[in-house]
Amino acid sequence: MTWSEISVLVAAGVTLALWSVWVAASRLDRLHRKVGASRAVVDAQLLRRATVSAELAASGLLDPASAVIVGEAARAALQAGGSAAAEGPAVPVELGALLAAGLPPAGRAVPDGSGARAADTSAGRRAQAGERGRVESELTDALRAVLDCPEEVDDLRLDPTGAELLDELSAAWYRVQLARRFHNEAVAQTQRVRRGRLVRLLRLAGHAPEPATLELDDEWPHTLGRPGGGLR
């Protein structure tokens, strides 16, 4: 085998390796963007559910005790949602910056304590997701305590405002369940890719914190009823 043939084989091998790295980095970048977008959708639907719950509590259609319980839980959820919206979604891996900076050699430690900072950020996001899940679960408990009573729901639906609020609440709640399921699936897929050998070996995730699923109690009150077709 001549030197020219060896050079061609080496160049082909290097090109194939670089292409594999580029594909892996591109896929990881898309997954992080997908997670960020899906979390924004979940946050928007949770805010909508909390807003309708606050309107229901302030409508005067609930008894005073139920209005206080739902109102306090809705305000806590609105505050948690506002904090999450102000912080914004996780910053995804930027493929261009990754390629421009160059890939760190295998086994080399990330300098300047950036690995520790990334771990701290990931832990912080998990803690934030846990707190958000707790607050939203408390709102679910408060709504279930009121809406699990068939007589209470029937009385609310006799009033046009109450019927409208219940329809809006059921639509928002249904969207919460769908959006959260989609988001958690995206997070699980991203976590699987981040655990891949090539991603870990070349540190393709960079400083992007590992996404966390959003766990909360969103079990449906059986008396509320599913929203009809034509969701807007």
Protein backbone atom coordinates (compact mmCIF):
# COMPACT_ATOMS: atom_id res chain seq x y z
CA MET A 1 0.00 0.00 0.00
CA THR A 2 1.41 3.33 -1.05
CA TRP A 3 1.70 6.44 1.11
CA SER A 4 -0.95 8.17 -0.95
CA GLU A 5 -3.39 5.32 -0.29
CA ILE A 6 -2.58 5.41 3.41
CA SER A 7 -3.13 9.17 3.46
CA VAL A 8 -6.50 8.75 1.79
CA LEU A 9 -7.56 6.12 4.34
CA VAL A 10 -6.40 8.26 7.25
CA ALA A 11 -8.19 11.31 5.86
CA ALA A 12 -11.36 9.24 5.37
CA GLY A 13 -11.14 7.94 8.93
CA VAL A 14 -10.63 11.42 10.37
CA THR A 15 -13.50 12.77 8.27
CA LEU A 16 -15.79 9.96 9.43
CA ALA A 17 -14.84 10.57 13.07
CA LEU A 18 -15.46 14.31 12.78
CA TRP A 19 -18.77 13.68 11.05
CA SER A 20 -19.84 11.32 13.85
CA VAL A 21 -18.96 13.94 16.45
CA TRP A 22 -20.82 16.63 14.51
CA VAL A 23 -23.92 14.43 14.23
CA ALA A 24 -23.85 13.62 17.96
CA ALA A 25 -23.36 17.27 18.92
CA SER A 26 -26.12 18.41 16.56
CA ARG A 27 -28.55 15.85 17.96
CA LEU A 28 -27.77 16.86 21.53
CA ASP A 29 -28.23 20.51 20.63
CA ARG A 30 -31.65 19.81 19.10
CA LEU A 31 -32.70 17.80 22.14
CA HIS A 32 -31.74 20.58 24.55
CA ARG A 33 -33.72 23.04 22.46
CA LYS A 34 -36.66 20.66 22.41
CA VAL A 35 -36.55 20.37 26.21
CA GLY A 36 -36.41 24.14 26.59
CA ALA A 37 -39.35 24.65 24.25
CA SER A 38 -41.46 21.91 25.85
CA ARG A 39 -40.80 23.28 29.34
CA ALA A 40 -41.93 26.72 28.20
CA VAL A 41 -45.20 25.16 26.98
CA VAL A 42 -45.70 23.37 30.32
CA ASP A 43 -45.06 26.60 32.24
CA ALA A 44 -47.56 28.48 30.06
CA GLN A 45 -50.28 25.88 30.62
CA LEU A 46 -49.62 25.72 34.36
CA LEU A 47 -49.89 29.50 34.51
CA ARG A 48 -53.16 29.32 32.63
CA ARG A 49 -54.54 26.73 35.05
CA ALA A 50 -53.47 28.85 38.03
CA THR A 51 -55.00 31.98 36.49
CA VAL A 52 -58.37 30.32 35.92
CA SER A 53 -58.23 28.86 39.44
CA ALA A 54 -57.63 32.35 40.88
CA GLU A 55 -60.57 33.69 38.85
CA LEU A 56 -62.76 30.89 40.16
CA ALA A 57 -61.73 31.65 43.74
CA ALA A 58 -62.49 35.36 43.25
CA SER A 59 -65.78 34.78 41.42
CA GLY A 60 -67.88 34.58 44.56
CA LEU A 61 -69.33 31.25 43.41
CA LEU A 62 -67.43 29.14 45.95
CA ASP A 63 -68.10 29.03 49.66
CA PRO A 64 -65.70 31.23 51.69
CA ALA A 65 -63.54 28.36 52.95
CA SER A 66 -63.15 26.81 49.48
CA ALA A 67 -62.42 30.23 47.96
CA VAL A 68 -59.62 30.83 50.46
CA ILE A 69 -58.08 27.39 49.91
CA VAL A 70 -58.16 27.60 46.12
CA GLY A 71 -57.14 31.26 46.10
CA GLU A 72 -54.06 30.72 48.27
CA ALA A 73 -52.93 27.71 46.24
CA ALA A 74 -53.51 29.58 42.97
CA ARG A 75 -51.50 32.59 44.15
CA ALA A 76 -48.59 30.35 45.16
CA ALA A 77 -48.69 28.66 41.74
CA LEU A 78 -48.78 32.04 39.96
CA GLN A 79 -45.77 33.24 41.95
CA ALA A 80 -43.84 30.04 41.19
CA GLY A 81 -44.77 30.31 37.53
CA GLY A 82 -43.70 33.94 37.38
CA SER A 83 -40.30 33.09 38.86
CA ALA A 84 -39.80 30.29 36.35
CA ALA A 85 -40.75 32.56 33.45
CA ALA A 86 -38.36 35.28 34.62
CA GLU A 87 -35.47 32.83 34.81
CA GLY A 88 -36.20 31.46 31.36
CA PRO A 89 -35.51 28.02 29.87
CA ALA A 90 -32.20 26.26 30.10
CA VAL A 91 -29.61 27.50 27.61
CA PRO A 92 -29.03 24.75 25.01
CA VAL A 93 -25.70 23.52 23.74
CA GLU A 94 -24.49 25.86 20.99
CA LEU A 95 -22.99 23.72 18.26
CA GLY A 96 -21.17 26.61 16.59
CA ALA A 97 -19.47 27.64 19.82
CA LEU A 98 -18.57 24.02 20.52
CA LEU A 99 -16.87 23.57 17.16
CA ALA A 100 -15.19 26.98 17.35
CA ALA A 101 -13.73 26.28 20.76
CA GLY A 102 -12.58 22.79 19.80
CA LEU A 103 -13.35 19.51 21.51
CA PRO A 104 -11.45 18.85 24.75
CA PRO A 105 -9.22 15.77 24.71
CA ALA A 106 -10.63 12.61 26.25
CA GLY A 107 -10.05 12.32 29.96
CA ARG A 108 -9.11 15.98 30.36
CA ALA A 109 -10.80 17.75 33.26
CA VAL A 110 -12.94 20.79 32.51
CA PRO A 111 -10.87 23.76 33.69
CA ASP A 112 -11.71 26.52 36.16
CA GLY A 113 -14.18 24.43 38.11
CA SER A 114 -16.76 24.57 35.31
CA GLY A 115 -17.69 20.94 35.92
CA ALA A 116 -18.58 21.77 39.51
CA ARG A 117 -20.55 24.82 38.36
CA ALA A 118 -22.49 22.70 35.88
CA ALA A 119 -23.26 20.16 38.62
CA ASP A 120 -24.43 22.95 40.92
CA THR A 121 -26.66 24.34 38.16
CA SER A 122 -28.15 20.92 37.48
CA ALA A 123 -28.83 20.41 41.19
CA GLY A 124 -30.40 23.85 41.38
CA ARG A 125 -32.70 23.14 38.45
CA ARG A 126 -33.74 19.81 39.96
CA ALA A 127 -34.52 21.58 43.23
CA GLN A 128 -36.48 24.25 41.36
CA ALA A 129 -38.42 21.61 39.44
CA GLY A 130 -39.17 19.82 42.71
CA GLU A 131 -40.44 23.01 44.34
CA ARG A 132 -42.56 23.86 41.29
CA GLY A 133 -44.02 20.36 41.34
CA ARG A 134 -44.87 20.69 45.04
CA VAL A 135 -46.67 24.02 44.55
CA GLU A 136 -48.63 22.78 41.55
CA SER A 137 -49.54 19.57 43.38
CA GLU A 138 -50.95 21.65 46.23
CA LEU A 139 -53.12 23.52 43.73
CA THR A 140 -54.29 20.17 42.36
CA ASP A 141 -55.18 19.02 45.88
CA ALA A 142 -57.08 22.26 46.56
CA LEU A 143 -59.06 22.01 43.32
CA ARG A 144 -59.83 18.34 43.88
CA ALA A 145 -61.06 19.07 47.39
CA VAL A 146 -63.61 21.48 45.90
CA LEU A 147 -64.44 19.85 42.57
CA ASP A 148 -64.62 16.23 43.75
CA CYS A 149 -68.06 17.09 45.14
CA PRO A 150 -70.64 16.49 42.35
CA GLU A 151 -73.19 18.80 43.97
CA GLU A 152 -70.65 21.64 44.09
CA VAL A 153 -69.79 21.21 40.41
CA ASP A 154 -73.47 21.03 39.44
CA ASP A 155 -74.16 24.27 41.33
CA LEU A 156 -71.24 25.97 39.60
CA ARG A 157 -72.45 24.88 36.17
CA LEU A 158 -75.89 26.36 36.83
CA ASP A 159 -74.25 29.78 36.73
CA PRO A 160 -73.03 30.90 33.26
CA THR A 161 -69.84 32.34 34.72
CA GLY A 162 -69.19 29.20 36.72
CA ALA A 163 -69.78 26.97 33.70
CA GLU A 164 -67.38 29.07 31.63
CA LEU A 165 -64.70 28.96 34.31
CA LEU A 166 -65.03 25.20 34.68
CA ASP A 167 -64.72 24.73 30.92
CA GLU A 168 -61.61 26.92 30.84
CA LEU A 169 -60.15 25.07 33.82
CA SER A 170 -60.75 21.67 32.25
CA ALA A 171 -59.16 22.79 28.97
CA ALA A 172 -56.09 24.21 30.75
CA TRP A 173 -55.77 21.14 32.98
CA TYR A 174 -55.98 18.81 30.00
CA ARG A 175 -53.23 20.77 28.22
CA VAL A 176 -51.08 20.62 31.36
CA GLN A 177 -51.24 16.84 31.35
CA LEU A 178 -50.37 16.58 27.65
CA ALA A 179 -47.59 19.19 27.80
CA ARG A 180 -45.99 17.68 30.90
CA ARG A 181 -46.04 14.20 29.39
CA PHE A 182 -44.38 15.49 26.21
CA HIS A 183 -41.79 17.45 28.22
CA ASN A 184 -40.85 14.51 30.43
CA GLU A 185 -40.42 12.29 27.37
CA ALA A 186 -38.10 14.90 25.83
CA VAL A 187 -36.11 15.10 29.07
CA ALA A 188 -35.78 11.31 29.29
CA GLN A 189 -34.55 11.15 25.68
CA THR A 190 -32.00 13.90 26.33
CA GLN A 191 -30.76 12.19 29.47
CA ARG A 192 -30.25 8.94 27.54
CA VAL A 193 -28.22 10.73 24.87
CA ARG A 194 -26.13 12.57 27.46
CA ARG A 195 -25.24 9.21 29.04
CA GLY A 196 -23.89 7.95 25.70
CA ARG A 197 -20.21 6.98 25.59
CA LEU A 198 -19.22 9.45 22.87
CA VAL A 199 -21.05 12.34 24.53
CA ARG A 200 -19.40 11.68 27.88
CA LEU A 201 -15.96 10.97 26.41
CA LEU A 202 -15.80 14.23 24.44
CA ARG A 203 -17.93 16.24 26.90
CA LEU A 204 -20.29 17.26 24.12
CA ALA A 205 -22.84 18.50 26.63
CA GLY A 206 -20.47 21.32 27.53
CA HIS A 207 -21.71 23.40 30.46
CA ALA A 208 -25.41 22.83 29.76
CA PRO A 209 -27.10 21.54 32.94
CA GLU A 210 -28.77 18.16 32.72
CA PRO A 211 -32.53 18.65 32.29
CA ALA A 212 -34.90 17.35 34.94
CA THR A 213 -38.40 15.98 34.59
CA LEU A 214 -41.28 17.88 36.14
CA GLU A 215 -43.06 15.63 38.61
CA LEU A 216 -46.37 16.77 40.05
CA ASP A 217 -49.82 15.50 40.93
CA ASP A 218 -52.12 16.42 38.04
CA GLU A 219 -54.72 13.69 38.56
CA TRP A 220 -58.03 14.74 37.09
CA PRO A 221 -61.07 15.41 39.34
CA HIS A 222 -63.58 12.86 38.08
CA THR A 223 -66.49 15.32 38.33
CA LEU A 224 -64.86 18.01 36.19
CA GLY A 225 -65.27 16.19 32.91
CA ARG A 226 -62.95 16.13 29.95
CA PRO A 227 -62.93 19.14 27.63
CA GLY A 228 -64.80 18.78 24.37
CA GLY A 229 -63.33 18.87 20.90
CA GLY A 230 -61.99 21.94 19.22
CA LEU A 231 -59.48 23.04 21.87
CA ARG A 232 -58.05 26.44 21.00
